[in-house]
Amino acid sequence: MGGFGSGNHWRCGTRNTVDDMKELRIAKLASDGWLDSGRTCSYAWSRTGSTIGDIQVSAAAGHILLNYRSRDNGGAWQDQCYPVQIDRTPCHLGGARPWFLCPARGCGNRVAVLYGGAIFACRSCHGLGYPSENENRRDRATRRADKLRDRLEWPPGIFEGSGWGRPKHMHHATYQRLVSEYEEREAEALGLTMDWLLRFNKCRGD
């Protein structure tokens, strides 16, 4: 997510993961009623309290229409508008579960999550891995701590401190629970980082 002491994007030989992308989850749209034909919603993503992207989702019979803007590597903004077909499979206890059909050319896989790039597509089409594929134990501890910082709307990075306060919209009990969990993750990540630095310096002969 950025910031010194956060993530593992400095490592060579890694690939983008699902945590690097904007997610569109069909379960969220369904639970909020936004798959009902004729309804339109605006869906936004934020990081450390700032909006990093938004999309308009309009539902029709058998599909949704995605409307947003994208750009590559800081280039010109491009308007994007295209349908994503919806499939449904029966549930054992009745009803049906909705799925996206990946809109990428030649795909059409049934998936629960689409990931945003120039188009929203499945994990396979974007070539995404899971964070654990690129991580060692220290990386995992740091990522978990940084994800809690994101929920607390604090700047990323375990070396940025924890005195950033409670987000205005967050209940006190939730805040205290997340801070307690964060402090445990932070202590683990810092301990593993110090162990790594000691080993690294020993190997260099410092």
N, C-alpha and C. Protein backbone atom coordinates (compact mmCIF):
# COMPACT_ATOMS: atom_id res chain seq x y z
N MET A 1 0.81 -1.21 0.00
CA MET A 1 0.00 0.00 0.00
C MET A 1 0.84 1.26 0.00
N GLY A 2 2.15 1.11 0.11
CA GLY A 2 3.03 2.27 0.05
C GLY A 2 3.47 2.70 1.43
N GLY A 3 4.54 3.51 1.46
CA GLY A 3 5.05 3.99 2.71
C GLY A 3 6.17 3.10 3.23
N PHE A 4 7.19 3.71 3.84
CA PHE A 4 8.32 2.93 4.34
C PHE A 4 7.83 2.01 5.44
N GLY A 5 8.23 0.75 5.36
CA GLY A 5 7.79 -0.23 6.35
C GLY A 5 6.44 -0.83 6.02
N SER A 6 5.97 -0.67 4.81
CA SER A 6 4.67 -1.24 4.44
C SER A 6 4.82 -2.07 3.19
N GLY A 7 4.12 -3.21 3.14
CA GLY A 7 4.07 -4.02 1.93
C GLY A 7 5.41 -4.63 1.56
N ASN A 8 5.45 -5.18 0.34
CA ASN A 8 6.70 -5.82 -0.13
C ASN A 8 6.95 -5.51 -1.59
N HIS A 9 6.50 -4.34 -2.06
CA HIS A 9 6.59 -4.05 -3.48
C HIS A 9 8.02 -3.74 -3.93
N TRP A 10 8.94 -3.59 -2.95
CA TRP A 10 10.33 -3.36 -3.33
C TRP A 10 11.02 -4.64 -3.77
N ARG A 11 10.43 -5.78 -3.50
CA ARG A 11 11.08 -7.04 -3.77
C ARG A 11 11.06 -7.35 -5.27
N CYS A 12 12.17 -7.91 -5.75
CA CYS A 12 12.25 -8.29 -7.16
C CYS A 12 11.52 -9.60 -7.39
N GLY A 13 11.01 -9.77 -8.60
CA GLY A 13 10.41 -11.04 -8.97
C GLY A 13 9.00 -11.24 -8.47
N THR A 14 8.35 -10.19 -7.95
CA THR A 14 6.98 -10.33 -7.48
C THR A 14 6.04 -9.83 -8.56
N ARG A 15 4.77 -10.19 -8.44
CA ARG A 15 3.77 -9.72 -9.38
C ARG A 15 2.65 -9.04 -8.62
N ASN A 16 1.83 -8.27 -9.33
CA ASN A 16 0.71 -7.61 -8.68
C ASN A 16 -0.21 -8.63 -8.04
N THR A 17 -0.83 -8.24 -6.94
CA THR A 17 -1.73 -9.13 -6.23
C THR A 17 -3.12 -8.52 -6.18
N VAL A 18 -4.07 -9.31 -5.69
CA VAL A 18 -5.45 -8.83 -5.59
C VAL A 18 -5.54 -7.62 -4.68
N ASP A 19 -4.62 -7.49 -3.70
CA ASP A 19 -4.66 -6.34 -2.79
C ASP A 19 -4.24 -5.04 -3.48
N ASP A 20 -3.61 -5.13 -4.66
CA ASP A 20 -3.18 -3.93 -5.37
C ASP A 20 -4.30 -3.34 -6.23
N MET A 21 -5.41 -4.03 -6.35
CA MET A 21 -6.45 -3.66 -7.31
C MET A 21 -7.74 -3.24 -6.63
N LYS A 22 -8.54 -2.48 -7.35
CA LYS A 22 -9.89 -2.16 -6.88
C LYS A 22 -10.78 -3.38 -7.11
N GLU A 23 -11.57 -3.73 -6.11
CA GLU A 23 -12.42 -4.91 -6.19
C GLU A 23 -13.88 -4.52 -6.36
N LEU A 24 -14.58 -5.25 -7.19
CA LEU A 24 -16.03 -5.13 -7.33
C LEU A 24 -16.60 -6.50 -7.00
N ARG A 25 -17.27 -6.60 -5.85
CA ARG A 25 -17.78 -7.88 -5.36
C ARG A 25 -19.28 -7.99 -5.61
N ILE A 26 -19.69 -9.05 -6.27
CA ILE A 26 -21.10 -9.20 -6.60
C ILE A 26 -21.94 -9.46 -5.35
N ALA A 27 -21.36 -10.09 -4.33
CA ALA A 27 -22.11 -10.32 -3.09
C ALA A 27 -22.49 -9.00 -2.43
N LYS A 28 -21.60 -8.02 -2.49
CA LYS A 28 -21.89 -6.70 -1.91
C LYS A 28 -23.00 -6.01 -2.68
N LEU A 29 -22.93 -6.05 -4.00
CA LEU A 29 -23.98 -5.43 -4.81
C LEU A 29 -25.32 -6.11 -4.56
N ALA A 30 -25.32 -7.43 -4.45
CA ALA A 30 -26.57 -8.17 -4.23
C ALA A 30 -27.16 -7.86 -2.87
N SER A 31 -26.33 -7.85 -1.82
CA SER A 31 -26.84 -7.62 -0.47
C SER A 31 -27.39 -6.22 -0.31
N ASP A 32 -26.86 -5.26 -1.06
CA ASP A 32 -27.34 -3.88 -1.00
C ASP A 32 -28.49 -3.60 -1.96
N GLY A 33 -28.91 -4.62 -2.71
CA GLY A 33 -30.04 -4.48 -3.61
C GLY A 33 -29.74 -3.82 -4.94
N TRP A 34 -28.45 -3.72 -5.30
CA TRP A 34 -28.09 -3.01 -6.52
C TRP A 34 -28.09 -3.88 -7.77
N LEU A 35 -28.50 -5.14 -7.64
CA LEU A 35 -28.65 -5.98 -8.82
C LEU A 35 -30.08 -6.00 -9.33
N ASP A 36 -30.99 -5.32 -8.63
CA ASP A 36 -32.38 -5.26 -9.07
C ASP A 36 -32.49 -4.39 -10.31
N SER A 37 -33.16 -4.92 -11.34
CA SER A 37 -33.24 -4.22 -12.63
C SER A 37 -33.77 -2.80 -12.45
N GLY A 38 -33.10 -1.85 -13.07
CA GLY A 38 -33.51 -0.46 -13.04
C GLY A 38 -32.81 0.37 -11.98
N ARG A 39 -32.03 -0.26 -11.11
CA ARG A 39 -31.36 0.47 -10.04
C ARG A 39 -29.95 0.87 -10.47
N THR A 40 -29.49 2.01 -9.96
CA THR A 40 -28.16 2.52 -10.25
C THR A 40 -27.50 2.96 -8.95
N CYS A 41 -26.24 2.59 -8.78
CA CYS A 41 -25.51 3.02 -7.59
C CYS A 41 -24.14 3.53 -7.99
N SER A 42 -23.56 4.32 -7.10
CA SER A 42 -22.17 4.75 -7.26
C SER A 42 -21.36 4.04 -6.20
N TYR A 43 -20.27 3.44 -6.64
CA TYR A 43 -19.43 2.63 -5.77
C TYR A 43 -18.05 3.26 -5.77
N ALA A 44 -17.47 3.47 -4.57
CA ALA A 44 -16.18 4.15 -4.48
C ALA A 44 -15.21 3.35 -3.62
N TRP A 45 -13.92 3.56 -3.88
CA TRP A 45 -12.85 2.95 -3.10
C TRP A 45 -12.05 4.04 -2.43
N SER A 46 -11.58 3.77 -1.23
CA SER A 46 -10.76 4.75 -0.52
C SER A 46 -9.56 4.07 0.11
N ARG A 47 -8.55 4.87 0.38
CA ARG A 47 -7.35 4.39 1.05
C ARG A 47 -6.84 5.52 1.93
N THR A 48 -6.59 5.20 3.19
CA THR A 48 -6.17 6.18 4.20
C THR A 48 -7.07 7.41 4.18
N GLY A 49 -8.38 7.18 4.02
CA GLY A 49 -9.36 8.25 4.10
C GLY A 49 -9.58 9.03 2.82
N SER A 50 -8.84 8.71 1.76
CA SER A 50 -8.97 9.45 0.50
C SER A 50 -9.55 8.55 -0.58
N THR A 51 -10.46 9.10 -1.39
CA THR A 51 -11.06 8.33 -2.49
C THR A 51 -10.03 8.10 -3.58
N ILE A 52 -9.88 6.84 -4.00
CA ILE A 52 -8.90 6.52 -5.04
C ILE A 52 -9.57 6.05 -6.33
N GLY A 53 -10.90 5.98 -6.34
CA GLY A 53 -11.61 5.58 -7.55
C GLY A 53 -13.09 5.44 -7.30
N ASP A 54 -13.87 5.57 -8.35
CA ASP A 54 -15.31 5.38 -8.23
C ASP A 54 -15.88 4.86 -9.54
N ILE A 55 -17.07 4.27 -9.45
CA ILE A 55 -17.70 3.66 -10.60
C ILE A 55 -19.21 3.76 -10.45
N GLN A 56 -19.91 3.85 -11.55
CA GLN A 56 -21.37 3.81 -11.54
C GLN A 56 -21.82 2.45 -12.08
N VAL A 57 -22.70 1.80 -11.32
CA VAL A 57 -23.20 0.48 -11.68
C VAL A 57 -24.70 0.57 -11.89
N SER A 58 -25.16 0.23 -13.10
CA SER A 58 -26.58 0.25 -13.42
C SER A 58 -27.04 -1.16 -13.73
N ALA A 59 -28.11 -1.60 -13.10
CA ALA A 59 -28.59 -2.97 -13.27
C ALA A 59 -29.71 -3.03 -14.29
N ALA A 60 -29.69 -4.07 -15.10
CA ALA A 60 -30.75 -4.35 -16.06
C ALA A 60 -30.99 -5.85 -16.04
N ALA A 61 -31.93 -6.33 -16.86
CA ALA A 61 -32.25 -7.75 -16.87
C ALA A 61 -31.04 -8.57 -17.34
N GLY A 62 -30.48 -9.38 -16.46
CA GLY A 62 -29.42 -10.29 -16.82
C GLY A 62 -28.02 -9.71 -16.88
N HIS A 63 -27.86 -8.41 -16.60
CA HIS A 63 -26.53 -7.84 -16.64
C HIS A 63 -26.49 -6.54 -15.85
N ILE A 64 -25.27 -6.04 -15.65
CA ILE A 64 -25.09 -4.70 -15.12
C ILE A 64 -24.26 -3.91 -16.13
N LEU A 65 -24.36 -2.60 -16.06
CA LEU A 65 -23.60 -1.71 -16.93
C LEU A 65 -22.61 -0.94 -16.06
N LEU A 66 -21.31 -1.04 -16.40
CA LEU A 66 -20.28 -0.32 -15.67
C LEU A 66 -19.91 0.96 -16.42
N ASN A 67 -19.83 2.04 -15.67
CA ASN A 67 -19.53 3.35 -16.26
C ASN A 67 -18.50 4.05 -15.37
N TYR A 68 -17.31 4.31 -15.90
CA TYR A 68 -16.24 4.93 -15.12
C TYR A 68 -15.19 5.48 -16.07
N ARG A 69 -14.14 6.07 -15.48
CA ARG A 69 -13.01 6.55 -16.27
C ARG A 69 -11.74 5.84 -15.82
N SER A 70 -10.83 5.61 -16.75
CA SER A 70 -9.56 4.98 -16.43
C SER A 70 -8.45 5.64 -17.23
N ARG A 71 -7.22 5.44 -16.76
CA ARG A 71 -6.06 5.91 -17.53
C ARG A 71 -4.87 5.02 -17.22
N ASP A 72 -3.94 4.94 -18.17
CA ASP A 72 -2.75 4.11 -18.02
C ASP A 72 -1.54 4.98 -17.76
N ASN A 73 -0.84 4.68 -16.65
CA ASN A 73 0.44 5.32 -16.35
C ASN A 73 0.38 6.85 -16.44
N GLY A 74 -0.68 7.43 -15.88
CA GLY A 74 -0.78 8.87 -15.85
C GLY A 74 -1.18 9.51 -17.15
N GLY A 75 -1.61 8.72 -18.13
CA GLY A 75 -2.01 9.27 -19.42
C GLY A 75 -3.39 9.92 -19.36
N ALA A 76 -3.97 10.17 -20.53
CA ALA A 76 -5.27 10.83 -20.60
C ALA A 76 -6.37 9.91 -20.07
N TRP A 77 -7.36 10.50 -19.44
CA TRP A 77 -8.51 9.74 -18.94
C TRP A 77 -9.35 9.24 -20.11
N GLN A 78 -9.82 8.00 -20.00
CA GLN A 78 -10.66 7.39 -21.02
C GLN A 78 -11.99 6.98 -20.38
N ASP A 79 -13.09 7.33 -21.06
CA ASP A 79 -14.40 6.90 -20.58
C ASP A 79 -14.61 5.42 -20.90
N GLN A 80 -15.10 4.67 -19.93
CA GLN A 80 -15.38 3.25 -20.10
C GLN A 80 -16.85 3.00 -19.78
N CYS A 81 -17.51 2.26 -20.67
CA CYS A 81 -18.92 1.92 -20.45
C CYS A 81 -19.20 0.60 -21.17
N TYR A 82 -19.51 -0.44 -20.42
CA TYR A 82 -19.75 -1.74 -21.03
C TYR A 82 -20.56 -2.62 -20.08
N PRO A 83 -21.24 -3.63 -20.63
CA PRO A 83 -22.05 -4.52 -19.78
C PRO A 83 -21.22 -5.68 -19.22
N VAL A 84 -21.66 -6.18 -18.09
CA VAL A 84 -21.13 -7.42 -17.51
C VAL A 84 -22.32 -8.34 -17.28
N GLN A 85 -22.30 -9.48 -17.92
CA GLN A 85 -23.41 -10.42 -17.78
C GLN A 85 -23.42 -11.05 -16.39
N ILE A 86 -24.64 -11.35 -15.91
CA ILE A 86 -24.83 -11.98 -14.60
C ILE A 86 -25.41 -13.37 -14.80
N ASP A 87 -24.78 -14.35 -14.18
CA ASP A 87 -25.30 -15.72 -14.17
C ASP A 87 -25.77 -16.04 -12.76
N ARG A 88 -26.67 -17.00 -12.63
CA ARG A 88 -27.17 -17.39 -11.30
C ARG A 88 -27.20 -18.90 -11.20
N THR A 89 -26.77 -19.40 -10.04
CA THR A 89 -26.80 -20.83 -9.78
C THR A 89 -27.68 -21.09 -8.56
N PRO A 90 -28.44 -22.19 -8.57
CA PRO A 90 -29.34 -22.47 -7.45
C PRO A 90 -28.57 -22.80 -6.17
N CYS A 91 -29.12 -22.36 -5.05
CA CYS A 91 -28.57 -22.69 -3.73
C CYS A 91 -29.29 -23.90 -3.16
N HIS A 92 -28.63 -24.65 -2.29
CA HIS A 92 -29.21 -25.88 -1.74
C HIS A 92 -30.46 -25.59 -0.92
N LEU A 93 -30.52 -24.43 -0.26
CA LEU A 93 -31.66 -24.11 0.60
C LEU A 93 -32.64 -23.17 -0.09
N GLY A 94 -32.57 -23.11 -1.39
CA GLY A 94 -33.47 -22.25 -2.15
C GLY A 94 -32.82 -20.96 -2.58
N GLY A 95 -33.43 -20.30 -3.52
CA GLY A 95 -32.87 -19.07 -4.05
C GLY A 95 -31.76 -19.35 -5.04
N ALA A 96 -31.07 -18.30 -5.43
CA ALA A 96 -30.00 -18.44 -6.41
C ALA A 96 -28.86 -17.49 -6.06
N ARG A 97 -27.65 -17.93 -6.38
CA ARG A 97 -26.47 -17.12 -6.12
C ARG A 97 -26.02 -16.46 -7.41
N PRO A 98 -25.81 -15.13 -7.38
CA PRO A 98 -25.37 -14.45 -8.61
C PRO A 98 -23.86 -14.52 -8.79
N TRP A 99 -23.44 -14.50 -10.06
CA TRP A 99 -22.02 -14.49 -10.42
C TRP A 99 -21.81 -13.51 -11.57
N PHE A 100 -20.66 -12.86 -11.57
CA PHE A 100 -20.23 -12.14 -12.76
C PHE A 100 -19.75 -13.14 -13.80
N LEU A 101 -19.96 -12.83 -15.07
CA LEU A 101 -19.27 -13.51 -16.16
C LEU A 101 -18.20 -12.54 -16.65
N CYS A 102 -16.93 -12.92 -16.45
CA CYS A 102 -15.83 -12.00 -16.75
C CYS A 102 -15.97 -11.43 -18.16
N PRO A 103 -15.96 -10.08 -18.29
CA PRO A 103 -16.18 -9.47 -19.61
C PRO A 103 -14.95 -9.41 -20.50
N ALA A 104 -13.79 -9.85 -20.01
CA ALA A 104 -12.59 -9.82 -20.85
C ALA A 104 -12.77 -10.71 -22.07
N ARG A 105 -12.27 -10.26 -23.19
CA ARG A 105 -12.43 -10.99 -24.45
C ARG A 105 -11.88 -12.42 -24.33
N GLY A 106 -12.69 -13.38 -24.71
CA GLY A 106 -12.28 -14.77 -24.70
C GLY A 106 -12.34 -15.44 -23.35
N CYS A 107 -12.86 -14.75 -22.31
CA CYS A 107 -12.90 -15.36 -20.98
C CYS A 107 -14.31 -15.85 -20.66
N GLY A 108 -15.13 -15.02 -20.01
CA GLY A 108 -16.47 -15.43 -19.65
C GLY A 108 -16.54 -16.32 -18.43
N ASN A 109 -15.45 -16.40 -17.65
CA ASN A 109 -15.45 -17.22 -16.44
C ASN A 109 -16.47 -16.70 -15.43
N ARG A 110 -17.08 -17.61 -14.71
CA ARG A 110 -18.02 -17.26 -13.64
C ARG A 110 -17.21 -16.94 -12.39
N VAL A 111 -17.31 -15.71 -11.90
CA VAL A 111 -16.49 -15.27 -10.77
C VAL A 111 -17.32 -14.42 -9.82
N ALA A 112 -16.87 -14.35 -8.57
CA ALA A 112 -17.54 -13.54 -7.55
C ALA A 112 -16.96 -12.14 -7.45
N VAL A 113 -15.74 -11.95 -7.96
CA VAL A 113 -15.04 -10.67 -7.83
C VAL A 113 -14.42 -10.29 -9.17
N LEU A 114 -14.58 -9.01 -9.53
CA LEU A 114 -13.87 -8.44 -10.67
C LEU A 114 -12.88 -7.41 -10.14
N TYR A 115 -11.73 -7.32 -10.82
CA TYR A 115 -10.68 -6.42 -10.39
C TYR A 115 -10.47 -5.33 -11.44
N GLY A 116 -10.38 -4.10 -10.96
CA GLY A 116 -10.35 -2.96 -11.86
C GLY A 116 -8.98 -2.68 -12.44
N GLY A 117 -8.93 -2.52 -13.74
CA GLY A 117 -7.78 -2.01 -14.47
C GLY A 117 -8.37 -1.12 -15.55
N ALA A 118 -7.87 -1.22 -16.78
CA ALA A 118 -8.54 -0.54 -17.88
C ALA A 118 -9.96 -1.08 -18.01
N ILE A 119 -10.12 -2.40 -17.76
CA ILE A 119 -11.45 -2.98 -17.63
C ILE A 119 -11.49 -3.78 -16.33
N PHE A 120 -12.70 -4.04 -15.87
CA PHE A 120 -12.87 -4.92 -14.72
C PHE A 120 -12.94 -6.35 -15.23
N ALA A 121 -12.04 -7.18 -14.72
CA ALA A 121 -11.94 -8.55 -15.20
C ALA A 121 -11.55 -9.45 -14.03
N CYS A 122 -11.52 -10.75 -14.28
CA CYS A 122 -11.23 -11.71 -13.23
C CYS A 122 -9.73 -11.71 -12.88
N ARG A 123 -9.40 -12.37 -11.80
CA ARG A 123 -8.02 -12.45 -11.32
C ARG A 123 -7.12 -13.08 -12.37
N SER A 124 -7.60 -14.12 -13.03
CA SER A 124 -6.80 -14.81 -14.04
C SER A 124 -6.46 -13.90 -15.21
N CYS A 125 -7.45 -13.15 -15.69
CA CYS A 125 -7.21 -12.27 -16.85
C CYS A 125 -6.22 -11.16 -16.53
N HIS A 126 -6.22 -10.68 -15.28
CA HIS A 126 -5.27 -9.64 -14.88
C HIS A 126 -3.92 -10.23 -14.47
N GLY A 127 -3.83 -11.57 -14.39
CA GLY A 127 -2.58 -12.19 -13.99
C GLY A 127 -2.20 -11.89 -12.55
N LEU A 128 -3.20 -11.81 -11.68
CA LEU A 128 -2.95 -11.42 -10.29
C LEU A 128 -2.65 -12.63 -9.41
N GLY A 129 -1.75 -12.44 -8.48
CA GLY A 129 -1.51 -13.44 -7.46
C GLY A 129 -2.17 -13.03 -6.16
N TYR A 130 -2.00 -13.87 -5.16
CA TYR A 130 -2.42 -13.52 -3.80
C TYR A 130 -1.19 -13.02 -3.05
N PRO A 131 -1.39 -12.10 -2.09
CA PRO A 131 -0.22 -11.56 -1.38
C PRO A 131 0.70 -12.62 -0.81
N SER A 132 0.15 -13.72 -0.32
CA SER A 132 0.96 -14.76 0.30
C SER A 132 1.96 -15.39 -0.67
N GLU A 133 1.68 -15.30 -1.98
CA GLU A 133 2.59 -15.90 -2.96
C GLU A 133 3.91 -15.15 -3.04
N ASN A 134 3.90 -13.87 -2.69
CA ASN A 134 5.11 -13.05 -2.76
C ASN A 134 5.78 -12.85 -1.40
N GLU A 135 5.20 -13.39 -0.33
CA GLU A 135 5.58 -12.97 1.00
C GLU A 135 6.36 -14.01 1.78
N ASN A 136 7.22 -13.52 2.65
CA ASN A 136 7.76 -14.33 3.73
C ASN A 136 7.02 -13.93 5.01
N ARG A 137 7.45 -14.48 6.14
CA ARG A 137 6.72 -14.23 7.40
C ARG A 137 6.72 -12.75 7.76
N ARG A 138 7.86 -12.08 7.55
CA ARG A 138 7.94 -10.65 7.86
C ARG A 138 7.01 -9.84 6.97
N ASP A 139 6.95 -10.18 5.70
CA ASP A 139 6.06 -9.49 4.77
C ASP A 139 4.60 -9.64 5.20
N ARG A 140 4.22 -10.88 5.58
CA ARG A 140 2.83 -11.12 5.99
C ARG A 140 2.47 -10.30 7.21
N ALA A 141 3.36 -10.26 8.20
CA ALA A 141 3.08 -9.49 9.41
C ALA A 141 2.94 -8.01 9.09
N THR A 142 3.82 -7.50 8.22
CA THR A 142 3.78 -6.09 7.85
C THR A 142 2.51 -5.76 7.07
N ARG A 143 2.13 -6.65 6.14
CA ARG A 143 0.91 -6.39 5.37
C ARG A 143 -0.32 -6.39 6.27
N ARG A 144 -0.40 -7.33 7.21
CA ARG A 144 -1.55 -7.38 8.11
C ARG A 144 -1.64 -6.12 8.96
N ALA A 145 -0.48 -5.64 9.43
CA ALA A 145 -0.48 -4.40 10.20
C ALA A 145 -0.92 -3.23 9.33
N ASP A 146 -0.44 -3.21 8.08
CA ASP A 146 -0.76 -2.09 7.20
C ASP A 146 -2.25 -2.09 6.80
N LYS A 147 -2.86 -3.27 6.68
CA LYS A 147 -4.28 -3.34 6.37
C LYS A 147 -5.10 -2.77 7.52
N LEU A 148 -4.65 -3.01 8.76
CA LEU A 148 -5.34 -2.41 9.91
C LEU A 148 -5.16 -0.90 9.91
N ARG A 149 -3.98 -0.42 9.53
CA ARG A 149 -3.77 1.02 9.42
C ARG A 149 -4.73 1.63 8.39
N ASP A 150 -4.96 0.90 7.31
CA ASP A 150 -5.87 1.38 6.28
C ASP A 150 -7.29 1.50 6.83
N ARG A 151 -7.73 0.49 7.59
CA ARG A 151 -9.07 0.54 8.20
C ARG A 151 -9.18 1.69 9.20
N LEU A 152 -8.08 1.99 9.88
CA LEU A 152 -8.06 3.08 10.86
C LEU A 152 -7.86 4.44 10.19
N GLU A 153 -7.63 4.41 8.86
CA GLU A 153 -7.39 5.62 8.07
C GLU A 153 -6.14 6.36 8.54
N TRP A 154 -5.12 5.59 8.91
CA TRP A 154 -3.82 6.13 9.25
C TRP A 154 -2.90 6.02 8.04
N PRO A 155 -1.86 6.87 7.96
CA PRO A 155 -0.91 6.74 6.86
C PRO A 155 -0.25 5.36 6.88
N PRO A 156 0.03 4.78 5.72
CA PRO A 156 0.61 3.44 5.68
C PRO A 156 2.05 3.43 6.18
N GLY A 157 2.44 2.28 6.74
CA GLY A 157 3.82 2.11 7.18
C GLY A 157 3.93 1.97 8.69
N ILE A 158 4.50 0.84 9.15
CA ILE A 158 4.57 0.59 10.59
C ILE A 158 5.51 1.55 11.29
N PHE A 159 6.36 2.28 10.57
CA PHE A 159 7.26 3.24 11.20
C PHE A 159 6.64 4.64 11.28
N GLU A 160 5.38 4.74 10.90
CA GLU A 160 4.69 6.04 10.93
C GLU A 160 4.01 6.32 12.28
N GLY A 161 4.10 5.37 13.22
CA GLY A 161 3.52 5.61 14.54
C GLY A 161 2.02 5.32 14.58
N SER A 162 1.46 5.37 15.78
CA SER A 162 0.06 5.02 15.97
C SER A 162 -0.75 6.13 16.64
N GLY A 163 -0.25 7.33 16.65
CA GLY A 163 -0.96 8.42 17.32
C GLY A 163 -1.82 9.26 16.41
N TRP A 164 -2.46 8.61 15.44
CA TRP A 164 -3.22 9.35 14.43
C TRP A 164 -4.69 9.53 14.79
N GLY A 165 -5.13 8.91 15.87
CA GLY A 165 -6.48 9.15 16.35
C GLY A 165 -7.56 8.33 15.66
N ARG A 166 -8.77 8.53 16.13
CA ARG A 166 -9.93 7.77 15.66
C ARG A 166 -10.61 8.48 14.50
N PRO A 167 -10.93 7.74 13.42
CA PRO A 167 -11.74 8.34 12.33
C PRO A 167 -13.09 8.80 12.87
N LYS A 168 -13.61 9.90 12.38
CA LYS A 168 -14.83 10.50 12.91
C LYS A 168 -16.03 9.57 12.84
N HIS A 169 -16.10 8.75 11.80
CA HIS A 169 -17.27 7.89 11.60
C HIS A 169 -17.20 6.59 12.39
N MET A 170 -16.06 6.29 13.03
CA MET A 170 -15.86 4.98 13.66
C MET A 170 -16.28 5.00 15.13
N HIS A 171 -17.01 3.96 15.54
CA HIS A 171 -17.41 3.84 16.94
C HIS A 171 -16.19 3.64 17.82
N HIS A 172 -16.28 4.11 19.07
CA HIS A 172 -15.15 4.02 20.00
C HIS A 172 -14.76 2.56 20.24
N ALA A 173 -15.74 1.67 20.41
CA ALA A 173 -15.44 0.27 20.68
C ALA A 173 -14.71 -0.37 19.51
N THR A 174 -15.16 -0.06 18.28
CA THR A 174 -14.49 -0.59 17.09
C THR A 174 -13.07 -0.06 17.00
N TYR A 175 -12.91 1.22 17.28
CA TYR A 175 -11.59 1.84 17.24
C TYR A 175 -10.64 1.17 18.22
N GLN A 176 -11.09 0.97 19.47
CA GLN A 176 -10.23 0.36 20.48
C GLN A 176 -9.85 -1.07 20.09
N ARG A 177 -10.82 -1.80 19.51
CA ARG A 177 -10.53 -3.17 19.10
C ARG A 177 -9.48 -3.20 18.00
N LEU A 178 -9.64 -2.31 17.01
CA LEU A 178 -8.69 -2.29 15.89
C LEU A 178 -7.30 -1.83 16.35
N VAL A 179 -7.25 -0.87 17.26
CA VAL A 179 -5.96 -0.40 17.77
C VAL A 179 -5.25 -1.52 18.52
N SER A 180 -5.99 -2.26 19.36
CA SER A 180 -5.38 -3.37 20.10
C SER A 180 -4.83 -4.42 19.14
N GLU A 181 -5.63 -4.74 18.11
CA GLU A 181 -5.17 -5.72 17.14
C GLU A 181 -3.96 -5.19 16.38
N TYR A 182 -4.01 -3.90 16.03
CA TYR A 182 -2.89 -3.31 15.29
C TYR A 182 -1.60 -3.36 16.12
N GLU A 183 -1.70 -3.03 17.40
CA GLU A 183 -0.50 -3.00 18.24
C GLU A 183 0.16 -4.38 18.31
N GLU A 184 -0.66 -5.44 18.32
CA GLU A 184 -0.11 -6.79 18.31
C GLU A 184 0.60 -7.07 16.98
N ARG A 185 -0.06 -6.69 15.87
CA ARG A 185 0.55 -6.91 14.55
C ARG A 185 1.81 -6.06 14.38
N GLU A 186 1.76 -4.84 14.87
CA GLU A 186 2.91 -3.95 14.75
C GLU A 186 4.11 -4.51 15.50
N ALA A 187 3.88 -5.00 16.73
CA ALA A 187 4.97 -5.55 17.52
C ALA A 187 5.58 -6.76 16.82
N GLU A 188 4.74 -7.61 16.23
CA GLU A 188 5.24 -8.77 15.51
C GLU A 188 6.06 -8.34 14.30
N ALA A 189 5.53 -7.39 13.52
CA ALA A 189 6.22 -6.95 12.31
C ALA A 189 7.54 -6.27 12.65
N LEU A 190 7.56 -5.43 13.69
CA LEU A 190 8.79 -4.75 14.07
C LEU A 190 9.83 -5.74 14.58
N GLY A 191 9.39 -6.72 15.35
CA GLY A 191 10.31 -7.73 15.85
C GLY A 191 10.95 -8.52 14.72
N LEU A 192 10.14 -8.93 13.74
CA LEU A 192 10.67 -9.68 12.60
C LEU A 192 11.57 -8.82 11.74
N THR A 193 11.24 -7.53 11.62
CA THR A 193 12.08 -6.61 10.85
C THR A 193 13.44 -6.43 11.51
N MET A 194 13.44 -6.30 12.84
CA MET A 194 14.71 -6.15 13.56
C MET A 194 15.56 -7.42 13.43
N ASP A 195 14.91 -8.58 13.52
CA ASP A 195 15.65 -9.85 13.33
C ASP A 195 16.28 -9.90 11.95
N TRP A 196 15.51 -9.48 10.94
CA TRP A 196 16.03 -9.49 9.58
C TRP A 196 17.21 -8.54 9.43
N LEU A 197 17.12 -7.34 10.02
CA LEU A 197 18.21 -6.37 9.93
C LEU A 197 19.47 -6.89 10.61
N LEU A 198 19.30 -7.56 11.77
CA LEU A 198 20.46 -8.12 12.46
C LEU A 198 21.15 -9.18 11.62
N ARG A 199 20.34 -10.06 11.00
CA ARG A 199 20.92 -11.10 10.15
C ARG A 199 21.59 -10.49 8.93
N PHE A 200 20.93 -9.48 8.36
CA PHE A 200 21.48 -8.82 7.17
C PHE A 200 22.82 -8.17 7.48
N ASN A 201 22.91 -7.46 8.60
CA ASN A 201 24.15 -6.80 8.96
C ASN A 201 25.24 -7.81 9.32
N LYS A 202 24.85 -8.93 9.91
CA LYS A 202 25.82 -9.97 10.24
C LYS A 202 26.42 -10.57 8.98
N CYS A 203 25.56 -10.78 7.97
CA CYS A 203 26.04 -11.33 6.70
C CYS A 203 27.00 -10.37 6.01
N ARG A 204 26.76 -9.08 6.18
CA ARG A 204 27.65 -8.07 5.56
C ARG A 204 28.92 -7.87 6.38
N GLY A 205 28.92 -8.38 7.61
CA GLY A 205 30.10 -8.24 8.45
C GLY A 205 30.15 -6.93 9.17
N ASP A 206 29.02 -6.20 9.26
CA ASP A 206 29.01 -4.89 9.95
C ASP A 206 29.06 -5.09 11.46
